Amino acid sequence: MGLTSAMYTGLSGLNVNQARIETIGNNLANANTTAYKGSRTLFETQFSQIMSMGNGPNDTSGGTNPTQVGLGAVVGATQRSFTPGSIEMTGITSDMAIDGTGLFILRSGANQRAYTRDGSFSISPDNHLVTTGGDFVQGFGVDENFTIIPGVLRDLEISLGTLSIASATDTVSFDGDLSADGTLATQSSANTSQALVNGGGGAAGTSTLLTDLRSGSAPGSTLFAAGDTLTVSGVTKGDRTLPSQSFVVGGTGTTLGDLASWLEGVLGIQTGTGLPGTPGVVVENGTLVIRGNAGEENNIVIDSDAFGSDGPTAPLPLQFTQTASANGSGTFTSFTAYDSLGTPVIVSLSFALESTPDTGPVWRYYAECDDATGSSRVLGTGTVSFDTQGNFLSTSGEQLTIDRSQTGAGSPLMFTLDFSGIHGLSTQVSQIVMAEQDGFPPGTLANWGVGADGTISGVFTNGTSRTLGQVALAVFPNPQGLVSGSDNKFYMGPNAGTLTVTAPDQFGAGQVLGGALEQANVDLSREFIGLITSSAGYQASSRVISVSSDLLNQLLLIVR
């Protein structure tokens, strides 16, 4: 062991303290870098020169220890600390921070996989979630029903202002009361036209041509000519006015029977066995008789000028007189359903008390639609039954079908009426409202946010919310084994362990905080202390070199 060795030992001290100062300098330079993970430099002793291995104890000696002279220090490792940094709330939707373990997964332009804790993301012009360097943020996508597809990584896409959705109604739920304290619906309204005859003077029948139809009081002139348009308007049903409808003679139909069938549809008259009040439009004894459905909400009133024609001979070809009014307590409600294109479809429901057996009251409802393809308003009818305590018991006819042909939408539109939320107690009045329906009109993605589990939820202009994707996290058994790169990115290293790709808050991964960023985990106080001690160590090592140099100079002076 000589002075030269001492100089090299001092040099090793310079080298290791210099390396530590470099590490500290890098930490301090990145003290404000988003999600930066600080490092520390650890020293190890260099091999020692063995002067003696020592001896074990014996009868005459207690033994001697090894005699070794150290030859300096080396850098043992530079370790990165993955302890979480403080969370800064930014309020920017696209910013994300990880509270706990894990890294965001990135795909670079060269399809290289990278990882980062830096969640300062943004939306690219092509609606992708990207880093400040343009790398794509990856996660789990959704299918056509906006259900997350787990396990398959893809670039996350958030199509603000461009993604539009609509959904057809599948179920409509109702709330309210149908009072059992009321009058049974047993009689329908009846409206009878003036006497009608054919060209031969005989009573008109269902096969009588409209172009041969005449009024009994003026059999000399026909009521219609081919091509005439008969417009029905101003007809009231209950407390509501039905929309106007037109019948073209020779186009919509040619006979009085055709007109009768058409009127059943446009007036929304439900026919069939078992219905109270013998509803329908029929030709009886040379008159056209319109009988509605039972129940006050189905009472049909026809004004004297309701049937107008553009023909020159009879501007008001048909005159009706009401001969009976509908009876039966009831109520009315309407709601909006949506087809597959999001087009609104108005559906009306009128209710009438049908029976009050010992098992509980039974109500009948009649469904109509103004927007069904074709002229008929009729959708169907069914019953709602309650037990003796007024609790919902069962229903029938709850599946409604609306023809949407020639609209571009899926046809038919089918949905179910859910009356389980209705009660049948003897309340003062009956009231029914739509509580919920699952269809919605077209809407465009207007806003979005991310949840703690990484789920990205989009809010559309129609008020609906849908899942757009889920941020994925990468978890490594030894994150210190990752290789650091530029732009706050890490790459897979040989000692990082087996990668686990998971949703946040699962398999040891932390949660995702939206509108926040993780700060660097650099402790300035500790770094400054390290800077002081490293400076002192560097200075001390330099003193070893200078003292060794002085001693060598003294040795050389002996020669003189």
Protein backbone atom coordinates (compact mmCIF):
# COMPACT_ATOMS: atom_id res chain seq x y z
CA MET A 1 0.00 0.00 0.00
CA GLY A 2 1.54 3.29 -1.04
CA LEU A 3 0.77 6.92 -1.54
CA THR A 4 -0.21 6.28 -5.16
CA SER A 5 -2.93 3.90 -4.01
CA ALA A 6 -4.16 6.51 -1.58
CA MET A 7 -4.47 8.98 -4.44
CA TYR A 8 -6.57 6.52 -6.44
CA THR A 9 -8.68 5.84 -3.40
CA GLY A 10 -9.33 9.58 -3.12
CA LEU A 11 -10.15 9.65 -6.83
CA SER A 12 -12.84 7.00 -6.32
CA GLY A 13 -14.33 9.26 -3.66
CA LEU A 14 -14.42 12.11 -6.14
CA ASN A 15 -16.11 9.93 -8.74
CA VAL A 16 -18.88 8.59 -6.51
CA ASN A 17 -19.69 11.95 -4.94
CA GLN A 18 -19.69 13.52 -8.38
CA ALA A 19 -22.18 10.87 -9.53
CA ARG A 20 -24.39 11.61 -6.54
CA ILE A 21 -24.29 15.33 -7.27
CA GLU A 22 -25.33 14.58 -10.86
CA THR A 23 -28.31 12.58 -9.58
CA ILE A 24 -29.26 15.36 -7.16
CA GLY A 25 -28.92 17.92 -9.93
CA ASN A 26 -31.28 15.92 -12.14
CA ASN A 27 -33.80 15.65 -9.30
CA LEU A 28 -33.69 19.39 -8.64
CA ALA A 29 -33.98 20.18 -12.36
CA ASN A 30 -37.16 18.05 -12.51
CA ALA A 31 -38.67 19.24 -9.23
CA ASN A 32 -41.58 20.74 -11.21
CA THR A 33 -41.80 18.04 -13.88
CA THR A 34 -45.24 16.38 -13.90
CA ALA A 35 -45.17 12.99 -12.16
CA TYR A 36 -41.36 12.89 -12.15
CA LYS A 37 -39.91 10.11 -10.01
CA GLY A 38 -36.74 11.11 -8.16
CA SER A 39 -33.63 8.92 -7.96
CA ARG A 40 -30.90 8.34 -5.40
CA THR A 41 -27.29 7.20 -5.83
CA LEU A 42 -26.04 4.49 -3.49
CA PHE A 43 -22.33 3.83 -2.81
CA GLU A 44 -20.57 0.54 -2.23
CA THR A 45 -17.07 -0.23 -0.97
CA GLN A 46 -14.56 -1.22 -3.59
CA PHE A 47 -12.54 -4.40 -3.06
CA SER A 48 -9.97 -4.31 -0.29
CA GLN A 49 -6.27 -5.26 -0.33
CA ILE A 50 -5.77 -8.17 2.06
CA MET A 51 -2.58 -7.93 4.15
CA SER A 52 -3.47 -10.88 6.37
CA MET A 53 -6.39 -13.24 6.61
CA GLY A 54 -5.94 -13.48 10.39
CA ASN A 55 -5.67 -16.53 12.61
CA GLY A 56 -8.11 -18.47 14.66
CA PRO A 57 -7.82 -18.81 18.45
CA ASN A 58 -5.55 -21.49 19.98
CA ASP A 59 -4.05 -22.43 23.32
CA THR A 60 -1.63 -19.54 23.31
CA SER A 61 -3.59 -16.86 21.40
CA GLY A 62 -7.08 -15.50 21.17
CA GLY A 63 -6.73 -15.17 17.39
CA THR A 64 -6.14 -12.25 15.06
CA ASN A 65 -8.54 -10.51 12.71
CA PRO A 66 -7.91 -9.98 9.01
CA THR A 67 -5.75 -7.04 8.06
CA GLN A 68 -7.28 -5.23 5.03
CA VAL A 69 -6.83 -1.87 3.47
CA GLY A 70 -9.80 -0.48 1.52
CA LEU A 71 -9.20 0.87 -1.96
CA GLY A 72 -12.13 3.33 -2.21
CA ALA A 73 -15.82 3.44 -3.19
CA VAL A 74 -17.88 2.76 -6.29
CA VAL A 75 -21.46 3.58 -7.31
CA GLY A 76 -23.54 0.57 -6.30
CA ALA A 77 -26.84 1.63 -7.87
CA THR A 78 -29.00 4.56 -8.87
CA GLN A 79 -32.47 3.74 -7.60
CA ARG A 80 -35.67 5.44 -8.74
CA SER A 81 -38.36 6.07 -6.12
CA PHE A 82 -41.92 5.33 -7.28
CA THR A 83 -43.55 6.78 -4.20
CA PRO A 84 -46.61 8.85 -5.27
CA GLY A 85 -46.25 12.58 -5.59
CA SER A 86 -48.73 15.17 -4.38
CA ILE A 87 -51.95 15.61 -6.39
CA GLU A 88 -52.66 18.98 -7.96
CA MET A 89 -56.25 19.69 -8.99
CA THR A 90 -56.25 21.44 -12.37
CA GLY A 91 -59.93 21.38 -13.34
CA ILE A 92 -58.98 20.35 -16.89
CA THR A 93 -61.09 17.36 -17.92
CA SER A 94 -58.37 15.63 -19.91
CA ASP A 95 -55.84 15.76 -17.04
CA MET A 96 -55.53 12.51 -15.07
CA ALA A 97 -53.52 11.42 -12.06
CA ILE A 98 -52.97 7.97 -10.58
CA ASP A 99 -53.62 7.71 -6.87
CA GLY A 100 -51.62 4.60 -6.05
CA THR A 101 -49.73 2.04 -8.10
CA GLY A 102 -49.63 1.78 -11.88
CA LEU A 103 -48.74 3.65 -15.04
CA PHE A 104 -50.73 4.85 -18.03
CA ILE A 105 -50.19 2.82 -21.21
CA LEU A 106 -49.09 4.63 -24.37
CA ARG A 107 -48.65 3.71 -28.02
CA SER A 108 -46.14 5.74 -29.97
CA GLY A 109 -46.27 6.44 -33.68
CA ALA A 110 -43.93 3.48 -34.30
CA ASN A 111 -46.37 1.22 -32.40
CA GLN A 112 -43.91 1.01 -29.52
CA ARG A 113 -45.40 0.40 -26.07
CA ALA A 114 -44.47 2.94 -23.41
CA TYR A 115 -45.65 3.79 -19.90
CA THR A 116 -46.00 7.04 -17.97
CA ARG A 117 -47.31 8.59 -14.78
CA ASP A 118 -47.74 11.92 -16.56
CA GLY A 119 -51.47 12.35 -17.19
CA SER A 120 -51.37 15.73 -18.95
CA PHE A 121 -53.47 14.47 -21.85
CA SER A 122 -55.50 16.27 -24.50
CA ILE A 123 -57.90 15.51 -27.36
CA SER A 124 -56.30 15.38 -30.81
CA PRO A 125 -58.00 16.77 -33.93
CA ASP A 126 -59.02 13.21 -34.86
CA ASN A 127 -60.68 12.77 -31.43
CA HIS A 128 -58.03 10.56 -29.79
CA LEU A 129 -56.75 10.95 -26.24
CA VAL A 130 -53.04 11.75 -26.59
CA THR A 131 -50.04 12.92 -24.57
CA THR A 132 -48.31 16.26 -25.08
CA GLY A 133 -45.85 14.40 -27.31
CA GLY A 134 -48.61 12.93 -29.47
CA ASP A 135 -48.52 9.36 -28.16
CA PHE A 136 -51.89 7.58 -28.02
CA VAL A 137 -53.33 6.77 -24.60
CA GLN A 138 -54.61 3.22 -24.53
CA GLY A 139 -57.45 1.57 -22.68
CA PHE A 140 -60.50 -0.60 -23.18
CA GLY A 141 -63.06 0.29 -25.84
CA VAL A 142 -66.82 -0.26 -25.98
CA ASP A 143 -69.12 -2.20 -28.30
CA GLU A 144 -72.14 -0.88 -30.19
CA ASN A 145 -74.14 -0.96 -26.95
CA PHE A 146 -71.52 1.13 -25.12
CA THR A 147 -70.46 -1.84 -22.99
CA ILE A 148 -66.77 -2.00 -22.10
CA ILE A 149 -64.77 -4.72 -23.87
CA PRO A 150 -62.23 -5.79 -21.23
CA GLY A 151 -58.81 -7.20 -21.99
CA VAL A 152 -58.41 -5.70 -25.48
CA LEU A 153 -56.28 -2.56 -25.57
CA ARG A 154 -57.05 0.11 -28.12
CA ASP A 155 -56.48 3.83 -28.59
CA LEU A 156 -59.03 5.74 -26.55
CA GLU A 157 -61.32 7.93 -28.65
CA ILE A 158 -63.52 10.77 -27.41
CA SER A 159 -65.51 12.18 -30.34
CA LEU A 160 -66.68 15.52 -28.95
CA GLY A 161 -69.12 17.24 -31.26
CA THR A 162 -69.15 14.39 -33.77
CA LEU A 163 -70.45 11.27 -32.02
CA SER A 164 -74.26 11.15 -32.21
CA ILE A 165 -76.55 8.49 -30.78
CA ALA A 166 -80.23 7.62 -30.64
CA SER A 167 -82.10 4.66 -29.23
CA ALA A 168 -85.48 3.08 -29.82
CA THR A 169 -87.87 2.76 -26.91
CA ASP A 170 -88.01 -0.73 -25.43
CA THR A 171 -89.92 -0.26 -22.17
CA VAL A 172 -92.28 2.43 -20.89
CA SER A 173 -93.07 2.50 -17.15
CA PHE A 174 -96.05 4.24 -15.57
CA ASP A 175 -96.95 5.57 -12.17
CA GLY A 176 -100.24 6.73 -10.66
CA ASP A 177 -103.61 5.45 -9.51
CA LEU A 178 -106.62 3.92 -11.22
CA SER A 179 -109.43 4.48 -8.78
CA ALA A 180 -111.76 1.54 -8.15
CA ASP A 181 -114.44 3.99 -7.03
CA GLY A 182 -116.14 4.80 -10.31
CA THR A 183 -118.70 3.91 -12.95
CA LEU A 184 -118.21 0.83 -15.10
CA ALA A 185 -117.71 1.43 -18.81
CA THR A 186 -120.53 -0.45 -20.51
CA GLN A 187 -121.74 1.87 -23.27
CA SER A 188 -120.00 3.46 -26.22
CA SER A 189 -120.85 6.65 -28.03
CA ALA A 190 -122.90 6.38 -31.21
CA ASN A 191 -123.04 8.83 -34.13
CA THR A 192 -125.41 8.14 -37.03
CA SER A 193 -125.33 9.73 -40.48
CA GLN A 194 -128.30 10.84 -42.53
CA ALA A 195 -130.07 8.19 -44.58
CA LEU A 196 -127.94 7.10 -47.54
CA VAL A 197 -129.17 5.50 -50.77
CA ASN A 198 -127.70 4.25 -54.00
CA GLY A 199 -128.55 5.30 -57.53
CA GLY A 200 -131.48 2.91 -57.62
CA GLY A 201 -133.03 4.45 -54.54
CA GLY A 202 -132.32 1.48 -52.32
CA ALA A 203 -130.68 1.71 -48.94
CA ALA A 204 -126.89 1.99 -49.22
CA GLY A 205 -124.75 -0.95 -48.10
CA THR A 206 -121.08 -1.71 -47.59
CA SER A 207 -120.64 -2.55 -51.29
CA THR A 208 -122.22 0.69 -52.51
CA LEU A 209 -119.74 2.67 -54.59
CA LEU A 210 -118.97 6.09 -53.17
CA THR A 211 -119.46 7.55 -56.64
CA ASP A 212 -123.02 6.13 -56.52
CA LEU A 213 -123.74 7.22 -52.94
CA ARG A 214 -126.54 9.73 -52.42
CA SER A 215 -128.30 11.37 -49.52
CA GLY A 216 -131.80 10.05 -48.84
CA SER A 217 -133.10 13.62 -48.77
CA ALA A 218 -131.57 14.44 -52.19
CA PRO A 219 -131.26 11.20 -54.18
CA GLY A 220 -130.91 13.06 -57.45
CA SER A 221 -127.22 13.93 -57.01
CA THR A 222 -124.21 11.90 -55.93
CA LEU A 223 -122.23 12.88 -52.86
CA PHE A 224 -118.83 12.02 -54.34
CA ALA A 225 -117.02 11.87 -57.64
CA ALA A 226 -113.86 9.96 -58.43
CA GLY A 227 -110.83 11.86 -57.12
CA ASP A 228 -112.77 13.86 -54.52
CA THR A 229 -110.97 14.30 -51.19
CA LEU A 230 -113.02 13.82 -48.06
CA THR A 231 -111.42 15.54 -45.06
CA VAL A 232 -112.39 14.63 -41.51
CA SER A 233 -111.46 17.32 -38.98
CA GLY A 234 -112.61 18.71 -35.66
CA VAL A 235 -113.71 15.34 -34.25
CA THR A 236 -113.31 15.23 -30.47
CA LYS A 237 -112.63 12.11 -28.46
CA GLY A 238 -112.97 12.63 -24.76
CA ASP A 239 -111.43 16.06 -24.13
CA ARG A 240 -109.02 15.98 -27.06
CA THR A 241 -109.34 16.81 -30.75
CA LEU A 242 -108.22 14.17 -33.21
CA PRO A 243 -105.90 15.21 -36.05
CA SER A 244 -107.38 15.81 -39.49
CA GLN A 245 -107.31 12.95 -41.99
CA SER A 246 -108.14 12.75 -45.68
CA PHE A 247 -109.80 10.03 -47.79
CA VAL A 248 -109.41 10.12 -51.57
CA VAL A 249 -112.33 8.57 -53.44
CA GLY A 250 -110.95 5.96 -55.82
CA GLY A 251 -107.53 6.12 -54.16
CA THR A 252 -107.95 5.36 -50.47
CA GLY A 253 -111.07 3.33 -51.19
CA THR A 254 -114.03 3.00 -53.51
CA THR A 255 -116.98 1.71 -51.47
CA LEU A 256 -118.92 2.77 -48.41
CA GLY A 257 -117.43 -0.26 -46.64
CA ASP A 258 -113.93 0.99 -47.44
CA LEU A 259 -114.84 4.36 -45.92
CA ALA A 260 -116.23 2.64 -42.81
CA SER A 261 -112.99 0.65 -42.31
CA TRP A 262 -110.90 3.76 -42.84
CA LEU A 263 -112.94 5.68 -40.26
CA GLU A 264 -112.35 2.97 -37.67
CA GLY A 265 -108.62 3.51 -38.07
CA VAL A 266 -108.49 7.32 -38.12
CA LEU A 267 -110.85 7.60 -35.16
CA GLY A 268 -108.82 5.04 -33.20
CA ILE A 269 -111.74 2.68 -32.57
CA GLN A 270 -110.60 -0.66 -31.18
CA THR A 271 -112.69 -3.63 -32.33
CA GLY A 272 -112.71 -7.27 -31.37
CA THR A 273 -114.51 -9.78 -29.22
CA GLY A 274 -114.98 -9.11 -25.55
CA LEU A 275 -114.87 -5.33 -25.79
CA PRO A 276 -117.74 -3.47 -24.11
CA GLY A 277 -120.03 -1.23 -26.14
CA THR A 278 -119.99 -3.03 -29.55
CA PRO A 279 -117.44 -0.61 -31.06
CA GLY A 280 -116.90 -0.18 -34.79
CA VAL A 281 -118.08 1.69 -37.90
CA VAL A 282 -120.85 -0.15 -39.70
CA VAL A 283 -123.55 0.40 -42.31
CA GLU A 284 -126.97 -0.22 -40.76
CA ASN A 285 -130.32 0.27 -42.51
CA GLY A 286 -128.84 2.68 -45.00
CA THR A 287 -126.96 4.80 -42.46
CA LEU A 288 -123.31 4.98 -41.47
CA VAL A 289 -123.04 4.38 -37.71
CA ILE A 290 -119.86 5.23 -35.76
CA ARG A 291 -119.65 3.56 -32.37
CA GLY A 292 -116.60 4.31 -30.27
CA ASN A 293 -115.14 2.38 -27.39
CA ALA A 294 -116.69 2.42 -23.94
CA GLY A 295 -115.49 4.96 -21.40
CA GLU A 296 -115.90 8.70 -21.11
CA GLU A 297 -112.35 9.23 -22.43
CA ASN A 298 -113.43 7.48 -25.67
CA ASN A 299 -116.64 9.46 -26.22
CA ILE A 300 -116.67 10.61 -29.87
CA VAL A 301 -118.40 13.86 -30.81
CA ILE A 302 -118.71 14.81 -34.49
CA ASP A 303 -119.52 18.39 -35.46
CA SER A 304 -121.87 19.13 -38.33
CA ASP A 305 -119.03 20.37 -40.52
CA ALA A 306 -116.54 17.66 -39.57
CA PHE A 307 -116.84 15.84 -42.92
CA GLY A 308 -115.85 18.21 -45.72
CA SER A 309 -115.31 17.46 -49.40
CA ASP A 310 -113.57 19.37 -52.16
CA GLY A 311 -116.15 18.04 -54.63
CA PRO A 312 -118.42 20.63 -56.28
CA THR A 313 -121.74 18.93 -55.55
CA ALA A 314 -121.65 18.28 -51.76
CA PRO A 315 -119.23 20.33 -49.67
CA LEU A 316 -120.59 18.61 -46.52
CA PRO A 317 -121.53 15.16 -47.81
CA LEU A 318 -122.06 13.42 -44.47
CA GLN A 319 -123.96 14.80 -41.49
CA PHE A 320 -123.86 12.93 -38.18
CA THR A 321 -126.13 13.03 -35.15
CA GLN A 322 -124.99 11.71 -31.78
CA THR A 323 -127.51 9.16 -30.58
CA ALA A 324 -125.62 7.86 -27.51
CA SER A 325 -122.78 8.98 -25.25
CA ALA A 326 -120.09 6.74 -23.77
CA ASN A 327 -120.16 6.08 -20.06
CA GLY A 328 -117.56 4.76 -17.61
CA SER A 329 -114.98 6.41 -15.38
CA GLY A 330 -111.51 6.74 -16.79
CA THR A 331 -108.43 8.82 -17.41
CA PHE A 332 -106.13 9.70 -20.27
CA THR A 333 -102.39 10.07 -20.69
CA SER A 334 -99.92 10.34 -23.53
CA PHE A 335 -96.18 9.87 -23.84
CA THR A 336 -93.38 10.09 -26.35
CA ALA A 337 -91.59 6.99 -27.60
CA TYR A 338 -88.64 6.98 -30.01
CA ASP A 339 -87.84 4.82 -33.01
CA SER A 340 -84.35 3.60 -33.93
CA LEU A 341 -83.48 6.95 -35.56
CA GLY A 342 -84.59 8.88 -32.48
CA THR A 343 -87.74 10.22 -34.15
CA PRO A 344 -90.42 10.99 -31.54
CA VAL A 345 -93.66 9.02 -31.74
CA ILE A 346 -96.65 10.20 -29.70
CA VAL A 347 -98.68 7.43 -28.09
CA SER A 348 -102.01 7.98 -26.29
CA LEU A 349 -103.58 5.75 -23.66
CA SER A 350 -107.19 6.05 -22.49
CA PHE A 351 -108.34 4.00 -19.50
CA ALA A 352 -111.83 2.84 -18.61
CA LEU A 353 -113.06 0.88 -15.58
CA GLU A 354 -114.19 -2.45 -17.02
CA SER A 355 -115.22 -4.56 -14.02
CA THR A 356 -114.98 -4.86 -10.24
CA PRO A 357 -115.08 -8.61 -9.43
CA ASP A 358 -114.39 -10.01 -5.98
CA THR A 359 -110.79 -10.67 -6.98
CA GLY A 360 -110.08 -6.95 -7.51
CA PRO A 361 -110.82 -4.16 -10.04
CA VAL A 362 -109.98 -4.55 -13.72
CA TRP A 363 -109.26 -1.60 -16.01
CA ARG A 364 -109.03 -1.60 -19.80
CA TYR A 365 -106.70 0.66 -21.71
CA TYR A 366 -106.84 1.65 -25.38
CA ALA A 367 -103.58 2.58 -27.15
CA GLU A 368 -103.50 4.94 -30.13
CA CYS A 369 -100.76 6.63 -32.13
CA ASP A 370 -100.85 9.73 -34.30
CA ASP A 371 -97.50 8.94 -35.93
CA ALA A 372 -97.98 5.36 -37.07
CA THR A 373 -97.37 4.76 -40.77
CA GLY A 374 -100.73 4.77 -42.57
CA SER A 375 -104.01 6.25 -41.49
CA SER A 376 -104.92 3.96 -38.59
CA ARG A 377 -104.36 5.22 -35.05
CA VAL A 378 -105.12 1.85 -33.49
CA LEU A 379 -102.28 0.16 -31.60
CA GLY A 380 -104.12 -2.28 -29.38
CA THR A 381 -105.95 -2.77 -26.13
CA GLY A 382 -105.36 -4.65 -22.91
CA THR A 383 -106.29 -4.89 -19.27
CA VAL A 384 -104.68 -3.95 -15.96
CA SER A 385 -105.81 -6.02 -12.96
CA PHE A 386 -105.41 -5.31 -9.24
CA ASP A 387 -105.97 -7.40 -6.15
CA THR A 388 -108.41 -6.53 -3.38
CA GLN A 389 -105.72 -4.41 -1.67
CA GLY A 390 -105.23 -2.24 -4.72
CA ASN A 391 -101.87 -3.78 -5.61
CA PHE A 392 -100.89 -4.38 -9.21
CA LEU A 393 -101.66 -7.97 -10.15
CA SER A 394 -101.27 -8.53 -13.88
CA THR A 395 -101.64 -7.01 -17.30
CA SER A 396 -102.44 -8.12 -20.83
CA GLY A 397 -101.73 -6.69 -24.26
CA GLU A 398 -98.74 -4.77 -22.94
CA GLN A 399 -96.63 -5.35 -26.06
CA LEU A 400 -97.30 -2.55 -28.57
CA THR A 401 -96.18 -2.51 -32.20
CA ILE A 402 -95.99 0.62 -34.36
CA ASP A 403 -95.45 0.43 -38.10
CA ARG A 404 -92.47 2.64 -39.07
CA SER A 405 -92.11 1.53 -42.69
CA GLN A 406 -91.04 4.16 -45.22
CA THR A 407 -89.48 6.28 -42.44
CA GLY A 408 -85.93 4.95 -42.66
CA ALA A 409 -86.16 3.63 -39.11
CA GLY A 410 -86.31 0.04 -38.00
CA SER A 411 -89.83 -1.26 -38.44
CA PRO A 412 -91.85 -2.17 -36.59
CA LEU A 413 -91.14 -0.27 -33.38
CA MET A 414 -91.97 -2.63 -30.53
CA PHE A 415 -92.01 -1.78 -26.85
CA THR A 416 -93.57 -2.99 -23.61
CA LEU A 417 -95.88 -1.10 -21.27
CA ASP A 418 -95.00 -1.60 -17.60
CA PHE A 419 -97.94 -0.88 -15.27
CA SER A 420 -96.41 -2.47 -12.16
CA GLY A 421 -96.00 0.97 -10.55
CA ILE A 422 -99.75 1.73 -10.68
CA HIS A 423 -102.12 1.25 -7.73
CA GLY A 424 -105.83 0.41 -7.82
CA LEU A 425 -107.09 2.00 -4.60
CA SER A 426 -110.32 3.99 -4.37
CA THR A 427 -108.70 7.38 -4.69
CA GLN A 428 -110.65 10.54 -5.44
CA VAL A 429 -109.55 10.66 -9.08
CA SER A 430 -107.61 8.46 -11.46
CA GLN A 431 -104.28 9.80 -12.67
CA ILE A 432 -101.65 8.10 -14.81
CA VAL A 433 -98.27 9.49 -15.90
CA MET A 434 -95.28 8.03 -17.67
CA ALA A 435 -92.53 7.56 -15.09
CA GLU A 436 -89.74 6.44 -17.40
CA GLN A 437 -88.97 5.22 -20.90
CA ASP A 438 -85.60 4.02 -22.16
CA GLY A 439 -85.53 5.50 -25.66
CA PHE A 440 -84.05 8.87 -26.51
CA PRO A 441 -83.81 11.29 -29.45
CA PRO A 442 -80.57 12.01 -31.34
CA GLY A 443 -77.86 13.63 -29.26
CA THR A 444 -74.26 14.71 -29.88
CA LEU A 445 -71.42 14.18 -27.44
CA ALA A 446 -71.02 17.48 -25.60
CA ASN A 447 -68.93 16.70 -22.53
CA TRP A 448 -67.07 13.88 -20.83
CA GLY A 449 -65.27 12.91 -17.66
CA VAL A 450 -63.35 10.03 -16.11
CA GLY A 451 -64.26 8.12 -12.95
CA ALA A 452 -62.07 6.62 -10.25
CA ASP A 453 -62.26 3.24 -12.00
CA GLY A 454 -61.03 4.81 -15.24
CA THR A 455 -64.44 4.70 -16.91
CA ILE A 456 -64.85 7.52 -19.42
CA SER A 457 -68.47 8.72 -19.45
CA GLY A 458 -69.85 10.98 -22.16
CA VAL A 459 -72.77 13.36 -21.76
CA PHE A 460 -74.85 14.00 -24.89
CA THR A 461 -76.99 16.98 -25.84
CA ASN A 462 -80.14 14.91 -25.36
CA GLY A 463 -79.29 14.49 -21.67
CA THR A 464 -78.20 10.87 -21.88
CA SER A 465 -74.90 9.50 -20.60
CA ARG A 466 -72.95 6.64 -22.13
CA THR A 467 -69.65 4.87 -21.43
CA LEU A 468 -67.04 5.75 -24.06
CA GLY A 469 -64.19 3.59 -22.81
CA GLN A 470 -61.98 2.86 -19.83
CA VAL A 471 -58.43 3.96 -19.08
CA ALA A 472 -56.11 0.98 -18.55
CA LEU A 473 -53.16 0.85 -16.14
CA ALA A 474 -49.96 -1.17 -16.25
CA VAL A 475 -48.71 -2.73 -13.02
CA PHE A 476 -45.17 -4.10 -12.64
CA PRO A 477 -43.84 -6.17 -9.70
CA ASN A 478 -40.65 -4.08 -9.80
CA PRO A 479 -41.29 -0.67 -11.39
CA GLN A 480 -37.69 0.32 -10.55
CA GLY A 481 -36.67 -2.14 -13.25
CA LEU A 482 -38.26 0.04 -15.95
CA VAL A 483 -35.99 1.91 -18.33
CA SER A 484 -36.46 5.67 -18.25
CA GLY A 485 -36.82 7.52 -21.52
CA SER A 486 -37.52 11.07 -22.60
CA ASP A 487 -40.90 12.81 -22.39
CA ASN A 488 -41.68 11.31 -18.96
CA LYS A 489 -41.90 7.83 -20.47
CA PHE A 490 -40.71 4.45 -19.27
CA TYR A 491 -40.05 1.30 -21.24
CA MET A 492 -40.04 -2.37 -20.33
CA GLY A 493 -36.78 -3.46 -18.66
CA PRO A 494 -35.42 -6.98 -18.12
CA ASN A 495 -35.87 -6.71 -14.34
CA ALA A 496 -39.32 -5.04 -14.28
CA GLY A 497 -41.18 -8.33 -13.92
CA THR A 498 -44.32 -9.62 -15.58
CA LEU A 499 -46.64 -6.87 -16.82
CA THR A 500 -50.27 -6.85 -15.66
CA VAL A 501 -52.72 -4.75 -17.69
CA THR A 502 -55.82 -3.98 -15.67
CA ALA A 503 -58.59 -1.51 -15.02
CA PRO A 504 -57.90 1.02 -12.25
CA ASP A 505 -58.60 -0.07 -8.68
CA GLN A 506 -58.09 -3.74 -9.57
CA PHE A 507 -55.20 -6.17 -9.10
CA GLY A 508 -53.26 -3.69 -6.99
CA ALA A 509 -53.66 -0.75 -9.38
CA GLY A 510 -54.52 2.66 -8.00
CA GLN A 511 -57.47 4.86 -8.82
CA VAL A 512 -57.63 7.50 -11.55
CA LEU A 513 -58.40 11.08 -10.56
CA GLY A 514 -59.86 13.22 -13.32
CA GLY A 515 -59.02 16.92 -13.61
CA ALA A 516 -55.78 16.43 -11.65
CA LEU A 517 -52.05 15.90 -12.17
CA GLU A 518 -49.43 14.18 -10.06
CA GLN A 519 -46.51 16.37 -8.99
CA ALA A 520 -42.89 15.27 -8.78
CA ASN A 521 -41.98 13.32 -5.66
CA VAL A 522 -38.72 15.26 -5.18
CA ASP A 523 -38.09 16.29 -1.54
CA LEU A 524 -36.17 19.57 -1.87
CA SER A 525 -34.99 19.55 1.73
CA ARG A 526 -33.51 16.08 1.43
CA GLU A 527 -31.92 16.94 -1.92
CA PHE A 528 -30.25 20.04 -0.52
CA ILE A 529 -28.90 18.06 2.45
CA GLY A 530 -27.59 15.47 0.01
CA LEU A 531 -25.97 18.23 -2.00
CA ILE A 532 -24.19 19.49 1.11
CA THR A 533 -22.97 16.05 2.20
CA SER A 534 -21.87 15.16 -1.32
CA SER A 535 -19.97 18.43 -1.58
CA ALA A 536 -18.27 17.71 1.73
CA GLY A 537 -17.42 14.18 0.63
CA TYR A 538 -16.02 15.47 -2.64
CA GLN A 539 -13.91 18.04 -0.81
CA ALA A 540 -12.65 15.45 1.68
CA SER A 541 -11.66 13.07 -1.12
CA SER A 542 -9.81 15.86 -2.85
CA ARG A 543 -7.91 16.50 0.38
CA VAL A 544 -6.76 12.88 0.38
CA ILE A 545 -5.31 13.41 -3.09
CA SER A 546 -3.64 16.71 -2.13
CA VAL A 547 -2.13 15.25 1.08
CA SER A 548 -0.85 12.22 -0.81
CA SER A 549 0.70 14.59 -3.36
CA ASP A 550 2.40 16.58 -0.59
CA LEU A 551 3.85 13.43 0.93
CA LEU A 552 5.18 12.30 -2.44
CA ASN A 553 6.83 15.68 -2.84
CA GLN A 554 8.46 15.27 0.57
CA LEU A 555 9.68 11.83 -0.46
CA LEU A 556 11.26 13.26 -3.60
CA LEU A 557 13.05 15.91 -1.54
CA ILE A 558 14.95 13.14 0.31
CA VAL A 559 16.76 12.37 -2.94
CA ARG A 560 18.21 15.85 -2.96
